[in-house]
Amino acid sequence: MMSLLKCLPNPQPEQSKPEAKSEIKFMTYNFWSREDVVVYKRMQAIGCLVEKHDPDVIFFQEVTPHIRTIFESFAWLKK
């Protein structure tokens, strides 16, 4: 029995692990890519929603290069 115990690894003291989040917040939004309909104001409003809800993961649909350029100027995207 003693020889068997010698083969087992020594237990290491348990290290504290960072507390995992119990929830992940998702947000999805379809931009309706019509850029001829007050696009900047619409993107600002969507940006306000993102800041308000502070999602962990965002899914955006119908993002055009112009819409992406607008979003790149918002602070929440750089977060």
Protein backbone atom coordinates (compact mmCIF):
# COMPACT_ATOMS: atom_id res chain seq x y z
CA MET A 1 0.00 0.00 0.00
CA MET A 2 2.83 2.41 0.81
CA SER A 3 4.39 1.92 -2.62
CA LEU A 4 1.07 2.83 -4.24
CA LEU A 5 0.87 6.06 -2.25
CA LYS A 6 4.35 7.01 -3.41
CA CYS A 7 3.13 6.92 -7.03
CA LEU A 8 0.30 9.37 -6.45
CA PRO A 9 1.11 13.04 -7.04
CA ASN A 10 1.36 15.30 -4.05
CA PRO A 11 -1.76 17.42 -3.72
CA GLN A 12 -1.02 21.05 -4.42
CA PRO A 13 -2.62 23.76 -2.32
CA GLU A 14 -5.69 25.06 -4.10
CA GLN A 15 -5.08 28.46 -5.65
CA SER A 16 -7.84 30.99 -5.61
CA LYS A 17 -9.43 31.41 -9.01
CA PRO A 18 -11.04 34.61 -10.23
CA GLU A 19 -14.77 34.49 -9.79
CA ALA A 20 -16.48 33.58 -13.05
CA LYS A 21 -19.47 35.53 -14.26
CA SER A 22 -22.68 33.64 -13.77
CA GLU A 23 -24.34 35.37 -16.72
CA ILE A 24 -23.33 36.56 -20.17
CA LYS A 25 -25.30 39.39 -21.69
CA PHE A 26 -25.90 39.25 -25.46
CA MET A 27 -27.20 41.99 -27.73
CA THR A 28 -28.24 41.64 -31.35
CA TYR A 29 -29.28 44.40 -33.69
CA ASN A 30 -30.18 44.62 -37.36
CA PHE A 31 -29.19 48.02 -38.70
CA TRP A 32 -31.55 48.18 -41.65
CA SER A 33 -28.68 49.46 -43.74
CA ARG A 34 -30.60 52.26 -45.47
CA GLU A 35 -28.01 54.99 -45.25
CA ASP A 36 -30.32 57.60 -46.79
CA VAL A 37 -32.55 57.63 -43.68
CA VAL A 38 -30.87 59.65 -40.87
CA VAL A 39 -28.08 57.10 -40.58
CA TYR A 40 -25.90 59.05 -38.13
CA LYS A 41 -28.75 59.69 -35.68
CA ARG A 42 -29.82 56.05 -35.88
CA MET A 43 -26.28 54.86 -35.18
CA GLN A 44 -25.98 57.28 -32.25
CA ALA A 45 -29.22 55.88 -30.81
CA ILE A 46 -27.96 52.31 -31.19
CA GLY A 47 -24.68 53.36 -29.57
CA CYS A 48 -26.64 54.75 -26.61
CA LEU A 49 -28.44 51.41 -26.25
CA VAL A 50 -25.12 49.56 -26.28
CA GLU A 51 -23.73 51.86 -23.58
CA LYS A 52 -26.89 51.57 -21.49
CA HIS A 53 -27.11 47.77 -21.57
CA ASP A 54 -23.33 47.10 -21.59
CA PRO A 55 -23.50 43.67 -23.28
CA ASP A 56 -20.64 41.16 -23.13
CA VAL A 57 -21.23 40.03 -26.74
CA ILE A 58 -22.81 42.00 -29.59
CA PHE A 59 -24.12 40.65 -32.90
CA PHE A 60 -24.72 43.28 -35.58
CA GLN A 61 -26.36 42.63 -38.95
CA GLU A 62 -26.32 44.70 -42.13
CA VAL A 63 -23.26 46.72 -41.16
CA THR A 64 -22.05 48.71 -44.16
CA PRO A 65 -18.56 50.22 -44.40
CA HIS A 66 -20.09 53.66 -43.72
CA ILE A 67 -21.91 52.42 -40.60
CA ARG A 68 -18.71 50.77 -39.40
CA THR A 69 -16.85 54.07 -39.82
CA ILE A 70 -19.49 55.84 -37.73
CA PHE A 71 -19.25 53.22 -34.98
CA GLU A 72 -15.45 53.39 -34.91
CA SER A 73 -15.77 56.94 -33.58
CA PHE A 74 -17.76 55.78 -30.52
CA ALA A 75 -15.92 55.14 -27.24
CA TRP A 76 -17.86 51.97 -26.36
CA LEU A 77 -16.44 50.18 -29.41
CA LYS A 78 -12.90 50.74 -28.13
CA LYS A 79 -13.75 49.28 -24.72
